[in-house]
Amino acid sequence: MEEKVKGPQSYFPSIEKKYGQPIQHWLDLLATLDGKAHMEMVAELKNTHGLGHGHANALVAYYRSKH
């Protein structure tokens, strides 16, 4: 029985489908924003790249948990 993906990663399939980019594209982009606050990173994804709040927040939360 496969365990269900939880947390920010649960958004990854829909992010890739909706925005047409692999998750690594967004993580690489977030790397260029190192030093900014969580919500500043979210705002950048929303305002500059057109992501919805939930998707942007999930990407930032995942990125920051790994860095």
C-alpha atoms as a PDB file:
ATOM      1  CA  MET A   1       0.000   0.000   0.000  1.00  0.00           C
ATOM      2  CA  GLU A   2       1.512   3.310  -1.112  1.00  0.00           C
ATOM      3  CA  GLU A   3       1.614   6.107   1.464  1.00  0.00           C
ATOM      4  CA  LYS A   4      -0.136   9.328   0.441  1.00  0.00           C
ATOM      5  CA  VAL A   5       2.147  12.322  -0.071  1.00  0.00           C
ATOM      6  CA  LYS A   6       1.495  14.990   2.551  1.00  0.00           C
ATOM      7  CA  GLY A   7       2.536  18.575   3.129  1.00  0.00           C
ATOM      8  CA  PRO A   8       3.832  20.944   0.457  1.00  0.00           C
ATOM      9  CA  GLN A   9       4.840  18.096  -1.853  1.00  0.00           C
ATOM     10  CA  SER A  10       1.197  17.108  -2.245  1.00  0.00           C
ATOM     11  CA  TYR A  11       0.792  20.223  -4.416  1.00  0.00           C
ATOM     12  CA  PHE A  12       3.648  19.346  -6.795  1.00  0.00           C
ATOM     13  CA  PRO A  13       1.665  17.391  -9.439  1.00  0.00           C
ATOM     14  CA  SER A  14      -0.922  20.150  -9.794  1.00  0.00           C
ATOM     15  CA  ILE A  15       1.771  22.866  -9.866  1.00  0.00           C
ATOM     16  CA  GLU A  16       3.574  21.093 -12.706  1.00  0.00           C
ATOM     17  CA  LYS A  17       0.340  20.543 -14.611  1.00  0.00           C
ATOM     18  CA  LYS A  18      -1.009  24.075 -14.182  1.00  0.00           C
ATOM     19  CA  TYR A  19       2.171  26.063 -14.837  1.00  0.00           C
ATOM     20  CA  GLY A  20       3.954  23.726 -17.266  1.00  0.00           C
ATOM     21  CA  GLN A  21       7.286  23.733 -15.465  1.00  0.00           C
ATOM     22  CA  PRO A  22       8.967  21.003 -13.407  1.00  0.00           C
ATOM     23  CA  ILE A  23       9.265  21.611  -9.670  1.00  0.00           C
ATOM     24  CA  GLN A  24      13.025  21.995 -10.030  1.00  0.00           C
ATOM     25  CA  HIS A  25      12.416  25.113 -12.172  1.00  0.00           C
ATOM     26  CA  TRP A  26      10.608  26.780  -9.266  1.00  0.00           C
ATOM     27  CA  LEU A  27      13.168  25.612  -6.694  1.00  0.00           C
ATOM     28  CA  ASP A  28      15.984  27.027  -8.836  1.00  0.00           C
ATOM     29  CA  LEU A  29      14.086  30.297  -9.082  1.00  0.00           C
ATOM     30  CA  LEU A  30      13.616  30.394  -5.311  1.00  0.00           C
ATOM     31  CA  ALA A  31      17.368  29.901  -4.870  1.00  0.00           C
ATOM     32  CA  THR A  32      17.823  33.312  -6.509  1.00  0.00           C
ATOM     33  CA  LEU A  33      15.656  34.799  -3.746  1.00  0.00           C
ATOM     34  CA  ASP A  34      17.689  33.471  -0.801  1.00  0.00           C
ATOM     35  CA  GLY A  35      17.747  35.945   2.050  1.00  0.00           C
ATOM     36  CA  LYS A  36      14.185  37.132   1.504  1.00  0.00           C
ATOM     37  CA  ALA A  37      11.450  36.415   4.020  1.00  0.00           C
ATOM     38  CA  HIS A  38       8.964  33.598   3.400  1.00  0.00           C
ATOM     39  CA  MET A  39       6.141  35.909   2.356  1.00  0.00           C
ATOM     40  CA  GLU A  40       8.455  37.971   0.138  1.00  0.00           C
ATOM     41  CA  MET A  41       9.307  34.796  -1.751  1.00  0.00           C
ATOM     42  CA  VAL A  42       5.616  33.899  -2.011  1.00  0.00           C
ATOM     43  CA  ALA A  43       4.823  37.392  -3.305  1.00  0.00           C
ATOM     44  CA  GLU A  44       7.544  37.114  -5.958  1.00  0.00           C
ATOM     45  CA  LEU A  45       6.097  33.845  -7.279  1.00  0.00           C
ATOM     46  CA  LYS A  46       2.587  35.284  -7.286  1.00  0.00           C
ATOM     47  CA  ASN A  47       3.293  38.732  -8.697  1.00  0.00           C
ATOM     48  CA  THR A  48       6.055  37.970 -11.185  1.00  0.00           C
ATOM     49  CA  HIS A  49       5.219  34.416 -12.217  1.00  0.00           C
ATOM     50  CA  GLY A  50       1.433  34.242 -11.781  1.00  0.00           C
ATOM     51  CA  LEU A  51       1.257  31.405  -9.266  1.00  0.00           C
ATOM     52  CA  GLY A  52      -1.715  31.141  -6.942  1.00  0.00           C
ATOM     53  CA  HIS A  53      -1.142  31.734  -3.241  1.00  0.00           C
ATOM     54  CA  GLY A  54      -1.452  28.075  -2.193  1.00  0.00           C
ATOM     55  CA  HIS A  55       0.950  26.855  -4.865  1.00  0.00           C
ATOM     56  CA  ALA A  56       3.470  29.619  -4.172  1.00  0.00           C
ATOM     57  CA  ASN A  57       3.288  29.024  -0.427  1.00  0.00           C
ATOM     58  CA  ALA A  58       3.772  25.266  -0.847  1.00  0.00           C
ATOM     59  CA  LEU A  59       6.863  25.775  -3.015  1.00  0.00           C
ATOM     60  CA  VAL A  60       8.398  28.262  -0.603  1.00  0.00           C
ATOM     61  CA  ALA A  61       7.639  26.084   2.437  1.00  0.00           C
ATOM     62  CA  TYR A  62       9.252  23.078   0.755  1.00  0.00           C
ATOM     63  CA  TYR A  63      12.269  25.090  -0.440  1.00  0.00           C
ATOM     64  CA  ARG A  64      12.878  26.625   2.979  1.00  0.00           C
ATOM     65  CA  SER A  65      12.590  23.238   4.721  1.00  0.00           C
ATOM     66  CA  LYS A  66      15.456  21.972   2.565  1.00  0.00           C
ATOM     67  CA  HIS A  67      17.736  25.029   2.796  1.00  0.00           C
END
